[in-house]
Each structure stands twice: as structure tokens, then as C-alpha cells.
Amino acid sequence: TSWFDTVLLENDQLRHKVTYALSQIIVESDFEPIFTRRGEALARYFD
């Protein structure tokens, strides 16, 4: 829910939408163990 709160309430909604679009184009697999055990790796990717 914190991602939805950020996307809906922040002033830079366009940046969040572009980030989401880029995440659909440049994908990283969340199947790898680093993503299932350590969410900060995926969070860093989105950063």
C-alpha cells in the first residue's frame, strides 16, 4: 500500500508513471532468489 499511497499523493505523478512504464520495458526477473529473499534489491532497481 505504501507504493500506491506514494503514487497517488505525491506531486511527481508523471515520474512515477514513467518509472512504471520503464519497469515494463526493462524487466528484471523476480524469480531469482535474491529478489524473493531480499526485497531491497528489487527496491534499488525501482530507485
ModelCIF file with pLDDT and N, C-alpha, C, O atoms, coordinates in Angstrom:
data_MODEL
#
_entry.id   MODEL 
#
_entity.id                         1 
_entity.type                       polymer 
_entity.pdbx_number_of_molecules   1 
#
_entity_poly.entity_id                      1 
_entity_poly.type                           'polypeptide(L)' 
_entity_poly.nstd_linkage                   no 
_entity_poly.nstd_monomer                   no 
_entity_poly.pdbx_seq_one_letter_code       TSWFDTVLLENDQLRHKVTYALSQIIVESDFEPIFTRRGEALARYFD 
_entity_poly.pdbx_seq_one_letter_code_can   TSWFDTVLLENDQLRHKVTYALSQIIVESDFEPIFTRRGEALARYFD 
_entity_poly.pdbx_strand_id                 A 
#
loop_
_entity_poly_seq.entity_id 
_entity_poly_seq.num 
_entity_poly_seq.mon_id 
_entity_poly_seq.hetero 
1 1  THR n 
1 2  SER n 
1 3  TRP n 
1 4  PHE n 
1 5  ASP n 
1 6  THR n 
1 7  VAL n 
1 8  LEU n 
1 9  LEU n 
1 10 GLU n 
1 11 ASN n 
1 12 ASP n 
1 13 GLN n 
1 14 LEU n 
1 15 ARG n 
1 16 HIS n 
1 17 LYS n 
1 18 VAL n 
1 19 THR n 
1 20 TYR n 
1 21 ALA n 
1 22 LEU n 
1 23 SER n 
1 24 GLN n 
1 25 ILE n 
1 26 ILE n 
1 27 VAL n 
1 28 GLU n 
1 29 SER n 
1 30 ASP n 
1 31 PHE n 
1 32 GLU n 
1 33 PRO n 
1 34 ILE n 
1 35 PHE n 
1 36 THR n 
1 37 ARG n 
1 38 ARG n 
1 39 GLY n 
1 40 GLU n 
1 41 ALA n 
1 42 LEU n 
1 43 ALA n 
1 44 ARG n 
1 45 TYR n 
1 46 PHE n 
1 47 ASP n 
#
_struct_asym.id          A 
_struct_asym.entity_id   1 
#
loop_
_ma_qa_metric.id 
_ma_qa_metric.mode 
_ma_qa_metric.name 
_ma_qa_metric.software_group_id 
_ma_qa_metric.type 
1 global pLDDT . pLDDT 
2 local  pLDDT . pLDDT 
#
_ma_qa_metric_global.metric_id      1 
_ma_qa_metric_global.metric_value   78.72 
_ma_qa_metric_global.model_id       1 
_ma_qa_metric_global.ordinal_id     1 
#
loop_
_ma_qa_metric_local.label_asym_id 
_ma_qa_metric_local.label_comp_id 
_ma_qa_metric_local.label_seq_id 
_ma_qa_metric_local.metric_id 
_ma_qa_metric_local.metric_value 
_ma_qa_metric_local.model_id 
_ma_qa_metric_local.ordinal_id 
A THR 1  2 53.00 1 1  
A SER 2  2 71.00 1 2  
A TRP 3  2 70.00 1 3  
A PHE 4  2 74.00 1 4  
A ASP 5  2 78.00 1 5  
A THR 6  2 76.00 1 6  
A VAL 7  2 76.00 1 7  
A LEU 8  2 80.00 1 8  
A LEU 9  2 84.00 1 9  
A GLU 10 2 82.00 1 10 
A ASN 11 2 87.00 1 11 
A ASP 12 2 86.00 1 12 
A GLN 13 2 86.00 1 13 
A LEU 14 2 90.00 1 14 
A ARG 15 2 91.00 1 15 
A HIS 16 2 89.00 1 16 
A LYS 17 2 89.00 1 17 
A VAL 18 2 92.00 1 18 
A THR 19 2 90.00 1 19 
A TYR 20 2 89.00 1 20 
A ALA 21 2 93.00 1 21 
A LEU 22 2 93.00 1 22 
A SER 23 2 88.00 1 23 
A GLN 24 2 91.00 1 24 
A ILE 25 2 91.00 1 25 
A ILE 26 2 87.00 1 26 
A VAL 27 2 81.00 1 27 
A GLU 28 2 76.00 1 28 
A SER 29 2 68.00 1 29 
A ASP 30 2 63.00 1 30 
A PHE 31 2 67.00 1 31 
A GLU 32 2 63.00 1 32 
A PRO 33 2 64.00 1 33 
A ILE 34 2 59.00 1 34 
A PHE 35 2 58.00 1 35 
A THR 36 2 64.00 1 36 
A ARG 37 2 67.00 1 37 
A ARG 38 2 68.00 1 38 
A GLY 39 2 72.00 1 39 
A GLU 40 2 76.00 1 40 
A ALA 41 2 74.00 1 41 
A LEU 42 2 77.00 1 42 
A ALA 43 2 81.00 1 43 
A ARG 44 2 85.00 1 44 
A TYR 45 2 86.00 1 45 
A PHE 46 2 86.00 1 46 
A ASP 47 2 89.00 1 47 
#
loop_
_atom_site.group_PDB 
_atom_site.id 
_atom_site.type_symbol 
_atom_site.label_atom_id 
_atom_site.label_alt_id 
_atom_site.label_comp_id 
_atom_site.label_asym_id 
_atom_site.label_entity_id 
_atom_site.label_seq_id 
_atom_site.pdbx_PDB_ins_code 
_atom_site.Cartn_x 
_atom_site.Cartn_y 
_atom_site.Cartn_z 
_atom_site.occupancy 
_atom_site.B_iso_or_equiv 
_atom_site.pdbx_formal_charge 
_atom_site.auth_seq_id 
_atom_site.auth_comp_id 
_atom_site.auth_asym_id 
_atom_site.auth_atom_id 
_atom_site.pdbx_PDB_model_num 
ATOM 1   N N  . THR A 1 1  ? 0.809  -1.203  0.000   1.00 53.00 ? 1  THR A N  1 
ATOM 2   C CA . THR A 1 1  ? 0.000  0.000   0.000   1.00 53.00 ? 1  THR A CA 1 
ATOM 3   C C  . THR A 1 1  ? 0.848  1.261   0.000   1.00 53.00 ? 1  THR A C  1 
ATOM 4   O O  . THR A 1 1  ? 0.376  2.307   -0.445  1.00 53.00 ? 1  THR A O  1 
ATOM 5   N N  . SER A 1 2  ? 2.057  1.199   0.473   1.00 71.00 ? 2  SER A N  1 
ATOM 6   C CA . SER A 1 2  ? 2.858  2.423   0.504   1.00 71.00 ? 2  SER A CA 1 
ATOM 7   C C  . SER A 1 2  ? 3.198  2.885   -0.911  1.00 71.00 ? 2  SER A C  1 
ATOM 8   O O  . SER A 1 2  ? 3.305  4.088   -1.148  1.00 71.00 ? 2  SER A O  1 
ATOM 9   N N  . TRP A 1 3  ? 3.371  1.961   -1.854  1.00 70.00 ? 3  TRP A N  1 
ATOM 10  C CA . TRP A 1 3  ? 3.624  2.371   -3.232  1.00 70.00 ? 3  TRP A CA 1 
ATOM 11  C C  . TRP A 1 3  ? 2.412  3.099   -3.798  1.00 70.00 ? 3  TRP A C  1 
ATOM 12  O O  . TRP A 1 3  ? 2.559  4.127   -4.459  1.00 70.00 ? 3  TRP A O  1 
ATOM 13  N N  . PHE A 1 4  ? 1.209  2.571   -3.544  1.00 74.00 ? 4  PHE A N  1 
ATOM 14  C CA . PHE A 1 4  ? 0.004  3.228   -4.037  1.00 74.00 ? 4  PHE A CA 1 
ATOM 15  C C  . PHE A 1 4  ? -0.180 4.594   -3.394  1.00 74.00 ? 4  PHE A C  1 
ATOM 16  O O  . PHE A 1 4  ? -0.569 5.547   -4.069  1.00 74.00 ? 4  PHE A O  1 
ATOM 17  N N  . ASP A 1 5  ? 0.094  4.701   -2.108  1.00 78.00 ? 5  ASP A N  1 
ATOM 18  C CA . ASP A 1 5  ? -0.010 5.996   -1.430  1.00 78.00 ? 5  ASP A CA 1 
ATOM 19  C C  . ASP A 1 5  ? 0.954  6.999   -2.044  1.00 78.00 ? 5  ASP A C  1 
ATOM 20  O O  . ASP A 1 5  ? 0.595  8.156   -2.262  1.00 78.00 ? 5  ASP A O  1 
ATOM 21  N N  . THR A 1 6  ? 2.157  6.567   -2.320  1.00 76.00 ? 6  THR A N  1 
ATOM 22  C CA . THR A 1 6  ? 3.157  7.458   -2.908  1.00 76.00 ? 6  THR A CA 1 
ATOM 23  C C  . THR A 1 6  ? 2.733  7.899   -4.296  1.00 76.00 ? 6  THR A C  1 
ATOM 24  O O  . THR A 1 6  ? 2.814  9.083   -4.625  1.00 76.00 ? 6  THR A O  1 
ATOM 25  N N  . VAL A 1 7  ? 2.285  6.965   -5.108  1.00 76.00 ? 7  VAL A N  1 
ATOM 26  C CA . VAL A 1 7  ? 1.905  7.291   -6.483  1.00 76.00 ? 7  VAL A CA 1 
ATOM 27  C C  . VAL A 1 7  ? 0.691  8.212   -6.513  1.00 76.00 ? 7  VAL A C  1 
ATOM 28  O O  . VAL A 1 7  ? 0.620  9.112   -7.350  1.00 76.00 ? 7  VAL A O  1 
ATOM 29  N N  . LEU A 1 8  ? -0.247 8.002   -5.627  1.00 80.00 ? 8  LEU A N  1 
ATOM 30  C CA . LEU A 1 8  ? -1.470 8.801   -5.651  1.00 80.00 ? 8  LEU A CA 1 
ATOM 31  C C  . LEU A 1 8  ? -1.326 10.156  -4.986  1.00 80.00 ? 8  LEU A C  1 
ATOM 32  O O  . LEU A 1 8  ? -2.033 11.094  -5.356  1.00 80.00 ? 8  LEU A O  1 
ATOM 33  N N  . LEU A 1 9  ? -0.435 10.289  -4.017  1.00 84.00 ? 9  LEU A N  1 
ATOM 34  C CA . LEU A 1 9  ? -0.391 11.510  -3.222  1.00 84.00 ? 9  LEU A CA 1 
ATOM 35  C C  . LEU A 1 9  ? 0.792  12.422  -3.511  1.00 84.00 ? 9  LEU A C  1 
ATOM 36  O O  . LEU A 1 9  ? 0.758  13.594  -3.135  1.00 84.00 ? 9  LEU A O  1 
ATOM 37  N N  . GLU A 1 10 ? 1.827  11.929  -4.162  1.00 82.00 ? 10 GLU A N  1 
ATOM 38  C CA . GLU A 1 10 ? 2.999  12.747  -4.449  1.00 82.00 ? 10 GLU A CA 1 
ATOM 39  C C  . GLU A 1 10 ? 2.720  13.734  -5.575  1.00 82.00 ? 10 GLU A C  1 
ATOM 40  O O  . GLU A 1 10 ? 1.808  13.531  -6.376  1.00 82.00 ? 10 GLU A O  1 
ATOM 41  N N  . ASN A 1 11 ? 3.496  14.785  -5.632  1.00 87.00 ? 11 ASN A N  1 
ATOM 42  C CA . ASN A 1 11 ? 3.339  15.790  -6.684  1.00 87.00 ? 11 ASN A CA 1 
ATOM 43  C C  . ASN A 1 11 ? 3.945  15.364  -8.009  1.00 87.00 ? 11 ASN A C  1 
ATOM 44  O O  . ASN A 1 11 ? 3.582  15.912  -9.050  1.00 87.00 ? 11 ASN A O  1 
ATOM 45  N N  . ASP A 1 12 ? 4.857  14.402  -8.000  1.00 86.00 ? 12 ASP A N  1 
ATOM 46  C CA . ASP A 1 12 ? 5.531  13.980  -9.230  1.00 86.00 ? 12 ASP A CA 1 
ATOM 47  C C  . ASP A 1 12 ? 4.931  12.686  -9.784  1.00 86.00 ? 12 ASP A C  1 
ATOM 48  O O  . ASP A 1 12 ? 5.628  11.684  -9.946  1.00 86.00 ? 12 ASP A O  1 
ATOM 49  N N  . GLN A 1 13 ? 3.638  12.725  -10.070 1.00 86.00 ? 13 GLN A N  1 
ATOM 50  C CA . GLN A 1 13 ? 2.957  11.534  -10.571 1.00 86.00 ? 13 GLN A CA 1 
ATOM 51  C C  . GLN A 1 13 ? 3.450  11.114  -11.947 1.00 86.00 ? 13 GLN A C  1 
ATOM 52  O O  . GLN A 1 13 ? 3.489  9.922   -12.254 1.00 86.00 ? 13 GLN A O  1 
ATOM 53  N N  . LEU A 1 14 ? 3.825  12.071  -12.773 1.00 90.00 ? 14 LEU A N  1 
ATOM 54  C CA . LEU A 1 14 ? 4.334  11.720  -14.096 1.00 90.00 ? 14 LEU A CA 1 
ATOM 55  C C  . LEU A 1 14 ? 5.614  10.900  -13.990 1.00 90.00 ? 14 LEU A C  1 
ATOM 56  O O  . LEU A 1 14 ? 5.806  9.949   -14.747 1.00 90.00 ? 14 LEU A O  1 
ATOM 57  N N  . ARG A 1 15 ? 6.491  11.263  -13.055 1.00 91.00 ? 15 ARG A N  1 
ATOM 58  C CA . ARG A 1 15 ? 7.724  10.498  -12.862 1.00 91.00 ? 15 ARG A CA 1 
ATOM 59  C C  . ARG A 1 15 ? 7.407  9.065   -12.440 1.00 91.00 ? 15 ARG A C  1 
ATOM 60  O O  . ARG A 1 15 ? 8.064  8.129   -12.894 1.00 91.00 ? 15 ARG A O  1 
ATOM 61  N N  . HIS A 1 16 ? 6.424  8.888   -11.590 1.00 89.00 ? 16 HIS A N  1 
ATOM 62  C CA . HIS A 1 16 ? 6.034  7.538   -11.163 1.00 89.00 ? 16 HIS A CA 1 
ATOM 63  C C  . HIS A 1 16 ? 5.451  6.744   -12.328 1.00 89.00 ? 16 HIS A C  1 
ATOM 64  O O  . HIS A 1 16 ? 5.700  5.545   -12.451 1.00 89.00 ? 16 HIS A O  1 
ATOM 65  N N  . LYS A 1 17 ? 4.682  7.406   -13.175 1.00 89.00 ? 17 LYS A N  1 
ATOM 66  C CA . LYS A 1 17 ? 4.110  6.713   -14.332 1.00 89.00 ? 17 LYS A CA 1 
ATOM 67  C C  . LYS A 1 17 ? 5.193  6.316   -15.329 1.00 89.00 ? 17 LYS A C  1 
ATOM 68  O O  . LYS A 1 17 ? 5.142  5.227   -15.902 1.00 89.00 ? 17 LYS A O  1 
ATOM 69  N N  . VAL A 1 18 ? 6.166  7.189   -15.538 1.00 92.00 ? 18 VAL A N  1 
ATOM 70  C CA . VAL A 1 18 ? 7.285  6.867   -16.440 1.00 92.00 ? 18 VAL A CA 1 
ATOM 71  C C  . VAL A 1 18 ? 8.116  5.734   -15.844 1.00 92.00 ? 18 VAL A C  1 
ATOM 72  O O  . VAL A 1 18 ? 8.567  4.844   -16.566 1.00 92.00 ? 18 VAL A O  1 
ATOM 73  N N  . THR A 1 19 ? 8.317  5.766   -14.529 1.00 90.00 ? 19 THR A N  1 
ATOM 74  C CA . THR A 1 19 ? 9.047  4.688   -13.856 1.00 90.00 ? 19 THR A CA 1 
ATOM 75  C C  . THR A 1 19 ? 8.343  3.352   -14.051 1.00 90.00 ? 19 THR A C  1 
ATOM 76  O O  . THR A 1 19 ? 8.983  2.343   -14.348 1.00 90.00 ? 19 THR A O  1 
ATOM 77  N N  . TYR A 1 20 ? 7.036  3.349   -13.886 1.00 89.00 ? 20 TYR A N  1 
ATOM 78  C CA . TYR A 1 20 ? 6.271  2.112   -14.087 1.00 89.00 ? 20 TYR A CA 1 
ATOM 79  C C  . TYR A 1 20 ? 6.383  1.635   -15.534 1.00 89.00 ? 20 TYR A C  1 
ATOM 80  O O  . TYR A 1 20 ? 6.563  0.443   -15.784 1.00 89.00 ? 20 TYR A O  1 
ATOM 81  N N  . ALA A 1 21 ? 6.278  2.561   -16.482 1.00 93.00 ? 21 ALA A N  1 
ATOM 82  C CA . ALA A 1 21 ? 6.402  2.193   -17.896 1.00 93.00 ? 21 ALA A CA 1 
ATOM 83  C C  . ALA A 1 21 ? 7.784  1.612   -18.190 1.00 93.00 ? 21 ALA A C  1 
ATOM 84  O O  . ALA A 1 21 ? 7.901  0.618   -18.905 1.00 93.00 ? 21 ALA A O  1 
ATOM 85  N N  . LEU A 1 22 ? 8.823  2.228   -17.642 1.00 93.00 ? 22 LEU A N  1 
ATOM 86  C CA . LEU A 1 22 ? 10.177 1.694   -17.835 1.00 93.00 ? 22 LEU A CA 1 
ATOM 87  C C  . LEU A 1 22 ? 10.328 0.315   -17.208 1.00 93.00 ? 22 LEU A C  1 
ATOM 88  O O  . LEU A 1 22 ? 11.049 -0.532  -17.735 1.00 93.00 ? 22 LEU A O  1 
ATOM 89  N N  . SER A 1 23 ? 9.652  0.086   -16.083 1.00 88.00 ? 23 SER A N  1 
ATOM 90  C CA . SER A 1 23 ? 9.751  -1.225  -15.436 1.00 88.00 ? 23 SER A CA 1 
ATOM 91  C C  . SER A 1 23 ? 9.076  -2.308  -16.265 1.00 88.00 ? 23 SER A C  1 
ATOM 92  O O  . SER A 1 23 ? 9.364  -3.492  -16.085 1.00 88.00 ? 23 SER A O  1 
ATOM 93  N N  . GLN A 1 24 ? 8.175  -1.919  -17.177 1.00 91.00 ? 24 GLN A N  1 
ATOM 94  C CA . GLN A 1 24 ? 7.550  -2.877  -18.068 1.00 91.00 ? 24 GLN A CA 1 
ATOM 95  C C  . GLN A 1 24 ? 8.390  -3.114  -19.323 1.00 91.00 ? 24 GLN A C  1 
ATOM 96  O O  . GLN A 1 24 ? 8.214  -4.120  -20.010 1.00 91.00 ? 24 GLN A O  1 
ATOM 97  N N  . ILE A 1 25 ? 9.298  -2.192  -19.618 1.00 91.00 ? 25 ILE A N  1 
ATOM 98  C CA . ILE A 1 25 ? 10.159 -2.316  -20.791 1.00 91.00 ? 25 ILE A CA 1 
ATOM 99  C C  . ILE A 1 25 ? 11.482 -2.983  -20.419 1.00 91.00 ? 25 ILE A C  1 
ATOM 100 O O  . ILE A 1 25 ? 11.916 -3.924  -21.084 1.00 91.00 ? 25 ILE A O  1 
ATOM 101 N N  . ILE A 1 26 ? 12.114 -2.498  -19.364 1.00 87.00 ? 26 ILE A N  1 
ATOM 102 C CA . ILE A 1 26 ? 13.398 -3.042  -18.894 1.00 87.00 ? 26 ILE A CA 1 
ATOM 103 C C  . ILE A 1 26 ? 13.085 -3.892  -17.668 1.00 87.00 ? 26 ILE A C  1 
ATOM 104 O O  . ILE A 1 26 ? 13.020 -3.384  -16.549 1.00 87.00 ? 26 ILE A O  1 
ATOM 105 N N  . VAL A 1 27 ? 12.896 -5.158  -17.884 1.00 81.00 ? 27 VAL A N  1 
ATOM 106 C CA . VAL A 1 27 ? 12.430 -6.030  -16.801 1.00 81.00 ? 27 VAL A CA 1 
ATOM 107 C C  . VAL A 1 27 ? 13.591 -6.791  -16.176 1.00 81.00 ? 27 VAL A C  1 
ATOM 108 O O  . VAL A 1 27 ? 14.581 -7.114  -16.832 1.00 81.00 ? 27 VAL A O  1 
ATOM 109 N N  . GLU A 1 28 ? 13.434 -7.061  -14.898 1.00 76.00 ? 28 GLU A N  1 
ATOM 110 C CA . GLU A 1 28 ? 14.332 -7.959  -14.179 1.00 76.00 ? 28 GLU A CA 1 
ATOM 111 C C  . GLU A 1 28 ? 13.474 -9.066  -13.601 1.00 76.00 ? 28 GLU A C  1 
ATOM 112 O O  . GLU A 1 28 ? 12.366 -8.826  -13.121 1.00 76.00 ? 28 GLU A O  1 
ATOM 113 N N  . SER A 1 29 ? 13.982 -10.241 -13.650 1.00 68.00 ? 29 SER A N  1 
ATOM 114 C CA . SER A 1 29 ? 13.220 -11.385 -13.167 1.00 68.00 ? 29 SER A CA 1 
ATOM 115 C C  . SER A 1 29 ? 13.128 -11.363 -11.649 1.00 68.00 ? 29 SER A C  1 
ATOM 116 O O  . SER A 1 29 ? 14.132 -11.170 -10.963 1.00 68.00 ? 29 SER A O  1 
ATOM 117 N N  . ASP A 1 30 ? 11.925 -11.562 -11.128 1.00 63.00 ? 30 ASP A N  1 
ATOM 118 C CA . ASP A 1 30 ? 11.783 -11.683 -9.676  1.00 63.00 ? 30 ASP A CA 1 
ATOM 119 C C  . ASP A 1 30 ? 11.780 -13.148 -9.265  1.00 63.00 ? 30 ASP A C  1 
ATOM 120 O O  . ASP A 1 30 ? 11.458 -13.479 -8.124  1.00 63.00 ? 30 ASP A O  1 
ATOM 121 N N  . PHE A 1 31 ? 12.143 -14.028 -10.203 1.00 67.00 ? 31 PHE A N  1 
ATOM 122 C CA . PHE A 1 31 ? 12.238 -15.455 -9.926  1.00 67.00 ? 31 PHE A CA 1 
ATOM 123 C C  . PHE A 1 31 ? 13.520 -15.810 -9.187  1.00 67.00 ? 31 PHE A C  1 
ATOM 124 O O  . PHE A 1 31 ? 13.571 -16.795 -8.449  1.00 67.00 ? 31 PHE A O  1 
ATOM 125 N N  . GLU A 1 32 ? 14.540 -15.009 -9.389  1.00 63.00 ? 32 GLU A N  1 
ATOM 126 C CA . GLU A 1 32 ? 15.833 -15.279 -8.771  1.00 63.00 ? 32 GLU A CA 1 
ATOM 127 C C  . GLU A 1 32 ? 15.731 -15.184 -7.246  1.00 63.00 ? 32 GLU A C  1 
ATOM 128 O O  . GLU A 1 32 ? 14.956 -14.377 -6.732  1.00 63.00 ? 32 GLU A O  1 
ATOM 129 N N  . PRO A 1 33 ? 16.496 -15.990 -6.521  1.00 64.00 ? 33 PRO A N  1 
ATOM 130 C CA . PRO A 1 33 ? 16.438 -15.979 -5.053  1.00 64.00 ? 33 PRO A CA 1 
ATOM 131 C C  . PRO A 1 33 ? 16.773 -14.633 -4.420  1.00 64.00 ? 33 PRO A C  1 
ATOM 132 O O  . PRO A 1 33 ? 16.285 -14.331 -3.331  1.00 64.00 ? 33 PRO A O  1 
ATOM 133 N N  . ILE A 1 34 ? 17.599 -13.813 -5.082  1.00 59.00 ? 34 ILE A N  1 
ATOM 134 C CA . ILE A 1 34 ? 17.949 -12.528 -4.478  1.00 59.00 ? 34 ILE A CA 1 
ATOM 135 C C  . ILE A 1 34 ? 16.709 -11.652 -4.318  1.00 59.00 ? 34 ILE A C  1 
ATOM 136 O O  . ILE A 1 34 ? 16.630 -10.855 -3.384  1.00 59.00 ? 34 ILE A O  1 
ATOM 137 N N  . PHE A 1 35 ? 15.744 -11.795 -5.222  1.00 58.00 ? 35 PHE A N  1 
ATOM 138 C CA . PHE A 1 35 ? 14.542 -10.977 -5.135  1.00 58.00 ? 35 PHE A CA 1 
ATOM 139 C C  . PHE A 1 35 ? 13.531 -11.554 -4.154  1.00 58.00 ? 35 PHE A C  1 
ATOM 140 O O  . PHE A 1 35 ? 12.817 -10.802 -3.490  1.00 58.00 ? 35 PHE A O  1 
ATOM 141 N N  . THR A 1 36 ? 13.461 -12.869 -4.053  1.00 64.00 ? 36 THR A N  1 
ATOM 142 C CA . THR A 1 36 ? 12.492 -13.459 -3.134  1.00 64.00 ? 36 THR A CA 1 
ATOM 143 C C  . THR A 1 36 ? 12.958 -13.361 -1.684  1.00 64.00 ? 36 THR A C  1 
ATOM 144 O O  . THR A 1 36 ? 12.130 -13.283 -0.776  1.00 64.00 ? 36 THR A O  1 
ATOM 145 N N  . ARG A 1 37 ? 14.259 -13.366 -1.456  1.00 67.00 ? 37 ARG A N  1 
ATOM 146 C CA . ARG A 1 37 ? 14.768 -13.275 -0.084  1.00 67.00 ? 37 ARG A CA 1 
ATOM 147 C C  . ARG A 1 37 ? 15.051 -11.849 0.335   1.00 67.00 ? 37 ARG A C  1 
ATOM 148 O O  . ARG A 1 37 ? 14.902 -11.511 1.509   1.00 67.00 ? 37 ARG A O  1 
ATOM 149 N N  . ARG A 1 38 ? 15.452 -11.017 -0.587  1.00 68.00 ? 38 ARG A N  1 
ATOM 150 C CA . ARG A 1 38 ? 15.877 -9.654  -0.245  1.00 68.00 ? 38 ARG A CA 1 
ATOM 151 C C  . ARG A 1 38 ? 15.182 -8.653  -1.146  1.00 68.00 ? 38 ARG A C  1 
ATOM 152 O O  . ARG A 1 38 ? 15.606 -8.414  -2.277  1.00 68.00 ? 38 ARG A O  1 
ATOM 153 N N  . GLY A 1 39 ? 14.115 -8.074  -0.636  1.00 72.00 ? 39 GLY A N  1 
ATOM 154 C CA . GLY A 1 39 ? 13.315 -7.135  -1.405  1.00 72.00 ? 39 GLY A CA 1 
ATOM 155 C C  . GLY A 1 39 ? 14.030 -5.841  -1.717  1.00 72.00 ? 39 GLY A C  1 
ATOM 156 O O  . GLY A 1 39 ? 13.638 -5.116  -2.631  1.00 72.00 ? 39 GLY A O  1 
ATOM 157 N N  . GLU A 1 40 ? 15.099 -5.540  -0.950  1.00 76.00 ? 40 GLU A N  1 
ATOM 158 C CA . GLU A 1 40 ? 15.793 -4.276  -1.208  1.00 76.00 ? 40 GLU A CA 1 
ATOM 159 C C  . GLU A 1 40 ? 16.501 -4.275  -2.558  1.00 76.00 ? 40 GLU A C  1 
ATOM 160 O O  . GLU A 1 40 ? 16.759 -3.206  -3.111  1.00 76.00 ? 40 GLU A O  1 
ATOM 161 N N  . ALA A 1 41 ? 16.821 -5.446  -3.101  1.00 74.00 ? 41 ALA A N  1 
ATOM 162 C CA . ALA A 1 41 ? 17.431 -5.496  -4.438  1.00 74.00 ? 41 ALA A CA 1 
ATOM 163 C C  . ALA A 1 41 ? 16.425 -5.018  -5.480  1.00 74.00 ? 41 ALA A C  1 
ATOM 164 O O  . ALA A 1 41 ? 16.778 -4.261  -6.384  1.00 74.00 ? 41 ALA A O  1 
ATOM 165 N N  . LEU A 1 42 ? 15.191 -5.449  -5.357  1.00 77.00 ? 42 LEU A N  1 
ATOM 166 C CA . LEU A 1 42 ? 14.156 -5.000  -6.280  1.00 77.00 ? 42 LEU A CA 1 
ATOM 167 C C  . LEU A 1 42 ? 13.816 -3.536  -6.030  1.00 77.00 ? 42 LEU A C  1 
ATOM 168 O O  . LEU A 1 42 ? 13.533 -2.801  -6.976  1.00 77.00 ? 42 LEU A O  1 
ATOM 169 N N  . ALA A 1 43 ? 13.837 -3.106  -4.789  1.00 81.00 ? 43 ALA A N  1 
ATOM 170 C CA . ALA A 1 43 ? 13.579 -1.699  -4.469  1.00 81.00 ? 43 ALA A CA 1 
ATOM 171 C C  . ALA A 1 43 ? 14.668 -0.815  -5.068  1.00 81.00 ? 43 ALA A C  1 
ATOM 172 O O  . ALA A 1 43 ? 14.368 0.268   -5.572  1.00 81.00 ? 43 ALA A O  1 
ATOM 173 N N  . ARG A 1 44 ? 15.908 -1.246  -5.025  1.00 85.00 ? 44 ARG A N  1 
ATOM 174 C CA . ARG A 1 44 ? 17.017 -0.486  -5.615  1.00 85.00 ? 44 ARG A CA 1 
ATOM 175 C C  . ARG A 1 44 ? 16.853 -0.370  -7.125  1.00 85.00 ? 44 ARG A C  1 
ATOM 176 O O  . ARG A 1 44 ? 17.160 0.670   -7.708  1.00 85.00 ? 44 ARG A O  1 
ATOM 177 N N  . TYR A 1 45 ? 16.369 -1.437  -7.758  1.00 86.00 ? 45 TYR A N  1 
ATOM 178 C CA . TYR A 1 45 ? 16.109 -1.426  -9.186  1.00 86.00 ? 45 TYR A CA 1 
ATOM 179 C C  . TYR A 1 45 ? 15.072 -0.344  -9.520  1.00 86.00 ? 45 TYR A C  1 
ATOM 180 O O  . TYR A 1 45 ? 15.257 0.416   -10.470 1.00 86.00 ? 45 TYR A O  1 
ATOM 181 N N  . PHE A 1 46 ? 13.994 -0.273  -8.750  1.00 86.00 ? 46 PHE A N  1 
ATOM 182 C CA . PHE A 1 46 ? 12.979 0.746   -8.985  1.00 86.00 ? 46 PHE A CA 1 
ATOM 183 C C  . PHE A 1 46 ? 13.501 2.145   -8.667  1.00 86.00 ? 46 PHE A C  1 
ATOM 184 O O  . PHE A 1 46 ? 13.089 3.117   -9.300  1.00 86.00 ? 46 PHE A O  1 
ATOM 185 N N  . ASP A 1 47 ? 14.394 2.255   -7.703  1.00 89.00 ? 47 ASP A N  1 
ATOM 186 C CA . ASP A 1 47 ? 15.014 3.555   -7.419  1.00 89.00 ? 47 ASP A CA 1 
ATOM 187 C C  . ASP A 1 47 ? 15.827 4.048   -8.616  1.00 89.00 ? 47 ASP A C  1 
ATOM 188 O O  . ASP A 1 47 ? 16.420 5.126   -8.559  1.00 89.00 ? 47 ASP A O  1 
#
